[in-house]
Amino acid sequence: MSTTARRHPAEHGWFSSSHSNNGNQCVEVRFVESAVQIRDSKFHRDSHNAGLDEPIITVAAPVWTAFLHRLLAGHPHPALVVHTSPDGSTTLRHEAVHLHFTAEEWNAFVAGVRDEEFACV
């Protein structure tokens, strides 16, 4: 994996895989100093979430890089836990934060990981 991201984050810093459906429903990532944050774009579109704190996973850049390598190799990561259901939907968990993605969202994210779109800058 390269050490620089090929994608250019949007003005707000959050970006998704080029394989996502125009950012409507996707895994979103942003780089903040020496950390990486992950969120679910659906949270903003779901009216049931009004007034709730947005669930965001934050990890140090080295943890993120190790996670990406292990994800591509098919090995579990001790800090970022991935659970895929029989229907292909995937939950990403770090400590008490759980993010839930559809099969299409997770597949687009993994395709972006393969294309090195999420490598730390």
N, C-alpha and C. Protein backbone atom coordinates (compact mmCIF):
# COMPACT_ATOMS: atom_id res chain seq x y z
N MET A 1 0.83 -1.19 0.00
CA MET A 1 0.00 0.00 0.00
C MET A 1 0.87 1.24 0.00
N SER A 2 0.39 2.24 -0.68
CA SER A 2 1.15 3.49 -0.70
C SER A 2 0.92 4.25 0.60
N THR A 3 1.70 5.28 0.80
CA THR A 3 1.55 6.06 2.02
C THR A 3 0.73 7.32 1.81
N THR A 4 0.23 7.53 0.62
CA THR A 4 -0.60 8.71 0.37
C THR A 4 -1.91 8.27 -0.26
N ALA A 5 -2.96 8.98 0.08
CA ALA A 5 -4.27 8.66 -0.47
C ALA A 5 -4.38 9.21 -1.88
N ARG A 6 -5.00 8.45 -2.76
CA ARG A 6 -5.21 8.92 -4.12
C ARG A 6 -6.46 9.78 -4.23
N ARG A 7 -7.39 9.58 -3.33
CA ARG A 7 -8.63 10.36 -3.37
C ARG A 7 -8.41 11.70 -2.70
N HIS A 8 -9.13 12.68 -3.14
CA HIS A 8 -9.05 14.00 -2.52
C HIS A 8 -10.29 14.22 -1.68
N PRO A 9 -10.13 14.31 -0.36
CA PRO A 9 -11.30 14.50 0.51
C PRO A 9 -12.08 15.76 0.14
N ALA A 10 -13.37 15.69 0.36
CA ALA A 10 -14.22 16.85 0.14
C ALA A 10 -13.84 17.96 1.11
N GLU A 11 -14.41 19.11 0.91
CA GLU A 11 -14.09 20.28 1.74
C GLU A 11 -14.24 19.98 3.23
N HIS A 12 -15.23 19.18 3.61
CA HIS A 12 -15.45 18.85 5.02
C HIS A 12 -14.53 17.73 5.49
N GLY A 13 -13.70 17.19 4.58
CA GLY A 13 -12.74 16.17 4.96
C GLY A 13 -13.21 14.74 4.80
N TRP A 14 -14.51 14.52 4.82
CA TRP A 14 -15.04 13.17 4.68
C TRP A 14 -15.04 12.77 3.22
N PHE A 15 -14.68 11.52 2.93
CA PHE A 15 -14.75 11.02 1.57
C PHE A 15 -15.09 9.54 1.60
N SER A 16 -15.53 9.05 0.45
CA SER A 16 -15.92 7.65 0.33
C SER A 16 -15.20 7.05 -0.86
N SER A 17 -15.37 5.77 -1.04
CA SER A 17 -14.75 5.08 -2.15
C SER A 17 -15.32 5.57 -3.48
N SER A 18 -14.48 5.56 -4.49
CA SER A 18 -14.95 5.91 -5.83
C SER A 18 -15.94 4.86 -6.34
N HIS A 19 -16.01 3.72 -5.68
CA HIS A 19 -16.93 2.64 -6.04
C HIS A 19 -18.30 2.82 -5.39
N SER A 20 -18.46 3.81 -4.51
CA SER A 20 -19.73 4.06 -3.82
C SER A 20 -20.72 4.70 -4.77
N ASN A 21 -21.99 4.67 -4.39
CA ASN A 21 -23.04 5.25 -5.22
C ASN A 21 -23.18 6.74 -4.98
N ASN A 22 -22.20 7.50 -5.37
CA ASN A 22 -22.20 8.97 -5.26
C ASN A 22 -22.33 9.46 -3.83
N GLY A 23 -21.89 8.68 -2.87
CA GLY A 23 -21.89 9.13 -1.48
C GLY A 23 -23.24 9.10 -0.80
N ASN A 24 -24.26 8.54 -1.46
CA ASN A 24 -25.58 8.52 -0.85
C ASN A 24 -25.66 7.58 0.33
N GLN A 25 -25.04 6.43 0.23
CA GLN A 25 -24.99 5.47 1.32
C GLN A 25 -23.64 4.80 1.25
N CYS A 26 -22.78 5.09 2.21
CA CYS A 26 -21.43 4.57 2.10
C CYS A 26 -20.66 4.65 3.41
N VAL A 27 -19.52 3.99 3.39
CA VAL A 27 -18.54 4.13 4.46
C VAL A 27 -17.80 5.43 4.15
N GLU A 28 -17.75 6.33 5.12
CA GLU A 28 -17.03 7.59 4.93
C GLU A 28 -15.85 7.65 5.89
N VAL A 29 -14.76 8.21 5.40
CA VAL A 29 -13.51 8.27 6.15
C VAL A 29 -12.97 9.69 6.07
N ARG A 30 -12.26 10.11 7.12
CA ARG A 30 -11.51 11.36 7.04
C ARG A 30 -10.26 11.22 7.90
N PHE A 31 -9.24 11.94 7.49
CA PHE A 31 -7.97 11.96 8.20
C PHE A 31 -7.91 13.24 9.02
N VAL A 32 -7.69 13.09 10.31
CA VAL A 32 -7.63 14.23 11.23
C VAL A 32 -6.33 14.12 12.01
N GLU A 33 -5.38 14.96 11.64
CA GLU A 33 -4.05 14.92 12.26
C GLU A 33 -3.50 13.50 12.19
N SER A 34 -3.22 12.86 13.31
CA SER A 34 -2.65 11.51 13.28
C SER A 34 -3.70 10.43 13.53
N ALA A 35 -4.95 10.76 13.27
CA ALA A 35 -6.04 9.81 13.48
C ALA A 35 -6.87 9.66 12.20
N VAL A 36 -7.65 8.59 12.18
CA VAL A 36 -8.58 8.33 11.09
C VAL A 36 -9.95 8.13 11.71
N GLN A 37 -10.96 8.77 11.09
CA GLN A 37 -12.33 8.63 11.57
C GLN A 37 -13.16 7.94 10.51
N ILE A 38 -14.09 7.10 10.97
CA ILE A 38 -14.97 6.35 10.08
C ILE A 38 -16.41 6.60 10.54
N ARG A 39 -17.31 6.81 9.57
CA ARG A 39 -18.72 6.99 9.90
C ARG A 39 -19.59 6.37 8.80
N ASP A 40 -20.87 6.31 9.06
CA ASP A 40 -21.85 5.77 8.13
C ASP A 40 -22.67 6.93 7.59
N SER A 41 -22.64 7.15 6.28
CA SER A 41 -23.34 8.29 5.69
C SER A 41 -24.85 8.22 5.91
N LYS A 42 -25.41 7.02 6.13
CA LYS A 42 -26.86 6.90 6.33
C LYS A 42 -27.32 7.60 7.60
N PHE A 43 -26.44 7.75 8.55
CA PHE A 43 -26.83 8.36 9.82
C PHE A 43 -27.46 9.74 9.59
N HIS A 44 -26.92 10.51 8.66
CA HIS A 44 -27.42 11.87 8.39
C HIS A 44 -28.77 11.88 7.68
N ARG A 45 -29.07 10.81 6.95
CA ARG A 45 -30.29 10.76 6.17
C ARG A 45 -31.45 10.12 6.91
N ASP A 46 -31.19 9.55 8.06
CA ASP A 46 -32.21 8.85 8.83
C ASP A 46 -32.84 9.81 9.83
N SER A 47 -34.10 10.15 9.63
CA SER A 47 -34.78 11.11 10.50
C SER A 47 -34.91 10.62 11.94
N HIS A 48 -34.78 9.31 12.16
CA HIS A 48 -34.86 8.76 13.51
C HIS A 48 -33.65 9.16 14.35
N ASN A 49 -32.60 9.66 13.72
CA ASN A 49 -31.37 10.00 14.43
C ASN A 49 -31.31 11.46 14.88
N ALA A 50 -32.36 12.22 14.63
CA ALA A 50 -32.36 13.63 15.00
C ALA A 50 -32.06 13.80 16.48
N GLY A 51 -31.09 14.63 16.77
CA GLY A 51 -30.74 14.91 18.16
C GLY A 51 -29.78 13.91 18.78
N LEU A 52 -29.45 12.85 18.07
CA LEU A 52 -28.52 11.85 18.60
C LEU A 52 -27.09 12.18 18.18
N ASP A 53 -26.15 11.80 19.01
CA ASP A 53 -24.75 11.96 18.64
C ASP A 53 -24.41 10.96 17.55
N GLU A 54 -23.73 11.43 16.54
CA GLU A 54 -23.34 10.57 15.43
C GLU A 54 -22.29 9.56 15.88
N PRO A 55 -22.49 8.29 15.59
CA PRO A 55 -21.45 7.31 15.93
C PRO A 55 -20.28 7.42 14.96
N ILE A 56 -19.12 7.69 15.49
CA ILE A 56 -17.90 7.80 14.70
C ILE A 56 -16.82 6.98 15.38
N ILE A 57 -16.15 6.17 14.59
CA ILE A 57 -15.01 5.41 15.08
C ILE A 57 -13.76 6.23 14.81
N THR A 58 -12.92 6.38 15.83
CA THR A 58 -11.65 7.10 15.68
C THR A 58 -10.53 6.18 16.12
N VAL A 59 -9.53 6.04 15.24
CA VAL A 59 -8.36 5.22 15.55
C VAL A 59 -7.10 5.96 15.11
N ALA A 60 -5.99 5.60 15.73
CA ALA A 60 -4.70 6.16 15.33
C ALA A 60 -4.35 5.68 13.92
N ALA A 61 -3.61 6.48 13.19
CA ALA A 61 -3.25 6.15 11.82
C ALA A 61 -2.57 4.79 11.69
N PRO A 62 -1.64 4.41 12.59
CA PRO A 62 -1.02 3.08 12.46
C PRO A 62 -2.03 1.93 12.63
N VAL A 63 -3.03 2.12 13.47
CA VAL A 63 -4.08 1.10 13.64
C VAL A 63 -4.87 0.97 12.34
N TRP A 64 -5.20 2.10 11.74
CA TRP A 64 -5.94 2.11 10.48
C TRP A 64 -5.15 1.39 9.38
N THR A 65 -3.88 1.71 9.26
CA THR A 65 -3.05 1.08 8.23
C THR A 65 -2.98 -0.43 8.44
N ALA A 66 -2.81 -0.86 9.68
CA ALA A 66 -2.78 -2.29 9.98
C ALA A 66 -4.13 -2.93 9.64
N PHE A 67 -5.22 -2.23 9.95
CA PHE A 67 -6.55 -2.73 9.65
C PHE A 67 -6.72 -2.95 8.14
N LEU A 68 -6.31 -1.97 7.34
CA LEU A 68 -6.45 -2.09 5.89
C LEU A 68 -5.67 -3.29 5.36
N HIS A 69 -4.45 -3.47 5.83
CA HIS A 69 -3.64 -4.61 5.40
C HIS A 69 -4.30 -5.93 5.78
N ARG A 70 -4.79 -6.02 7.01
CA ARG A 70 -5.42 -7.26 7.48
C ARG A 70 -6.73 -7.52 6.75
N LEU A 71 -7.49 -6.47 6.47
CA LEU A 71 -8.75 -6.61 5.74
C LEU A 71 -8.49 -7.24 4.37
N LEU A 72 -7.50 -6.74 3.66
CA LEU A 72 -7.19 -7.27 2.34
C LEU A 72 -6.66 -8.70 2.41
N ALA A 73 -5.97 -9.02 3.48
CA ALA A 73 -5.42 -10.37 3.65
C ALA A 73 -6.44 -11.36 4.19
N GLY A 74 -7.61 -10.85 4.61
CA GLY A 74 -8.64 -11.72 5.17
C GLY A 74 -8.39 -12.12 6.60
N HIS A 75 -7.60 -11.31 7.32
CA HIS A 75 -7.28 -11.61 8.72
C HIS A 75 -8.00 -10.62 9.63
N PRO A 76 -8.45 -11.07 10.78
CA PRO A 76 -9.12 -10.15 11.72
C PRO A 76 -8.14 -9.16 12.33
N HIS A 77 -8.66 -8.05 12.73
CA HIS A 77 -7.87 -7.02 13.43
C HIS A 77 -8.37 -6.96 14.87
N PRO A 78 -7.47 -6.85 15.85
CA PRO A 78 -7.91 -6.87 17.24
C PRO A 78 -8.69 -5.62 17.68
N ALA A 79 -8.48 -4.48 17.05
CA ALA A 79 -9.13 -3.25 17.50
C ALA A 79 -10.35 -2.88 16.66
N LEU A 80 -10.30 -3.13 15.37
CA LEU A 80 -11.41 -2.85 14.47
C LEU A 80 -12.00 -4.20 14.04
N VAL A 81 -13.12 -4.55 14.63
CA VAL A 81 -13.70 -5.87 14.44
C VAL A 81 -14.77 -5.80 13.35
N VAL A 82 -14.64 -6.69 12.39
CA VAL A 82 -15.58 -6.77 11.27
C VAL A 82 -16.40 -8.04 11.43
N HIS A 83 -17.72 -7.88 11.37
CA HIS A 83 -18.61 -9.04 11.39
C HIS A 83 -19.53 -8.94 10.18
N THR A 84 -19.45 -9.93 9.31
CA THR A 84 -20.30 -9.96 8.12
C THR A 84 -21.37 -11.02 8.31
N SER A 85 -22.62 -10.62 8.11
CA SER A 85 -23.77 -11.51 8.24
C SER A 85 -23.94 -12.32 6.95
N PRO A 86 -24.75 -13.39 7.01
CA PRO A 86 -24.99 -14.20 5.81
C PRO A 86 -25.53 -13.39 4.62
N ASP A 87 -26.28 -12.30 4.90
CA ASP A 87 -26.82 -11.48 3.82
C ASP A 87 -25.79 -10.51 3.25
N GLY A 88 -24.58 -10.51 3.81
CA GLY A 88 -23.52 -9.63 3.31
C GLY A 88 -23.42 -8.31 4.04
N SER A 89 -24.42 -7.98 4.87
CA SER A 89 -24.31 -6.74 5.64
C SER A 89 -23.17 -6.89 6.64
N THR A 90 -22.54 -5.78 6.95
CA THR A 90 -21.33 -5.83 7.77
C THR A 90 -21.41 -4.82 8.89
N THR A 91 -20.96 -5.23 10.07
CA THR A 91 -20.83 -4.34 11.21
C THR A 91 -19.36 -4.14 11.49
N LEU A 92 -18.97 -2.88 11.62
CA LEU A 92 -17.61 -2.52 12.01
C LEU A 92 -17.69 -2.01 13.43
N ARG A 93 -16.90 -2.62 14.33
CA ARG A 93 -16.96 -2.25 15.74
C ARG A 93 -15.58 -1.87 16.25
N HIS A 94 -15.56 -0.81 17.02
CA HIS A 94 -14.37 -0.39 17.76
C HIS A 94 -14.85 0.06 19.12
N GLU A 95 -14.40 -0.65 20.14
CA GLU A 95 -14.84 -0.38 21.52
C GLU A 95 -16.36 -0.39 21.55
N ALA A 96 -17.02 0.65 22.00
CA ALA A 96 -18.48 0.64 22.13
C ALA A 96 -19.21 1.15 20.89
N VAL A 97 -18.48 1.56 19.86
CA VAL A 97 -19.12 2.12 18.66
C VAL A 97 -19.30 1.03 17.61
N HIS A 98 -20.52 0.93 17.11
CA HIS A 98 -20.86 -0.03 16.06
C HIS A 98 -21.39 0.74 14.86
N LEU A 99 -20.87 0.44 13.68
CA LEU A 99 -21.38 1.01 12.43
C LEU A 99 -21.89 -0.14 11.58
N HIS A 100 -23.08 0.03 10.99
CA HIS A 100 -23.72 -1.04 10.22
C HIS A 100 -23.81 -0.62 8.76
N PHE A 101 -23.32 -1.49 7.88
CA PHE A 101 -23.29 -1.20 6.45
C PHE A 101 -23.97 -2.31 5.67
N THR A 102 -24.62 -1.93 4.57
CA THR A 102 -25.20 -2.93 3.68
C THR A 102 -24.07 -3.64 2.95
N ALA A 103 -24.41 -4.75 2.31
CA ALA A 103 -23.40 -5.49 1.53
C ALA A 103 -22.82 -4.59 0.44
N GLU A 104 -23.65 -3.80 -0.21
CA GLU A 104 -23.18 -2.93 -1.29
C GLU A 104 -22.23 -1.86 -0.75
N GLU A 105 -22.57 -1.29 0.39
CA GLU A 105 -21.71 -0.26 0.99
C GLU A 105 -20.34 -0.84 1.36
N TRP A 106 -20.36 -2.00 2.01
CA TRP A 106 -19.10 -2.61 2.45
C TRP A 106 -18.27 -3.06 1.25
N ASN A 107 -18.92 -3.63 0.23
CA ASN A 107 -18.18 -4.05 -0.96
C ASN A 107 -17.53 -2.87 -1.66
N ALA A 108 -18.21 -1.75 -1.71
CA ALA A 108 -17.63 -0.54 -2.32
C ALA A 108 -16.44 -0.06 -1.52
N PHE A 109 -16.55 -0.11 -0.19
CA PHE A 109 -15.44 0.28 0.67
C PHE A 109 -14.23 -0.62 0.43
N VAL A 110 -14.46 -1.93 0.44
CA VAL A 110 -13.35 -2.87 0.24
C VAL A 110 -12.72 -2.68 -1.13
N ALA A 111 -13.52 -2.41 -2.14
CA ALA A 111 -12.96 -2.14 -3.47
C ALA A 111 -12.07 -0.89 -3.43
N GLY A 112 -12.49 0.12 -2.68
CA GLY A 112 -11.68 1.32 -2.51
C GLY A 112 -10.39 1.02 -1.75
N VAL A 113 -10.47 0.14 -0.76
CA VAL A 113 -9.27 -0.26 -0.03
C VAL A 113 -8.30 -0.94 -1.00
N ARG A 114 -8.81 -1.82 -1.85
CA ARG A 114 -7.96 -2.50 -2.83
C ARG A 114 -7.28 -1.50 -3.77
N ASP A 115 -7.99 -0.42 -4.08
CA ASP A 115 -7.45 0.62 -4.97
C ASP A 115 -6.60 1.64 -4.22
N GLU A 116 -6.35 1.38 -2.94
CA GLU A 116 -5.53 2.24 -2.09
C GLU A 116 -6.09 3.65 -1.90
N GLU A 117 -7.42 3.76 -1.95
CA GLU A 117 -8.07 5.06 -1.78
C GLU A 117 -8.10 5.52 -0.33
N PHE A 118 -7.87 4.62 0.61
CA PHE A 118 -8.00 4.97 2.01
C PHE A 118 -6.68 4.93 2.78
N ALA A 119 -5.58 4.87 2.06
CA ALA A 119 -4.27 4.86 2.72
C ALA A 119 -4.06 6.20 3.40
N CYS A 120 -3.44 6.20 4.56
CA CYS A 120 -3.19 7.43 5.31
C CYS A 120 -2.26 8.35 4.52
N VAL A 121 -2.51 9.63 4.66
CA VAL A 121 -1.66 10.63 4.01
C VAL A 121 -0.49 10.98 4.88
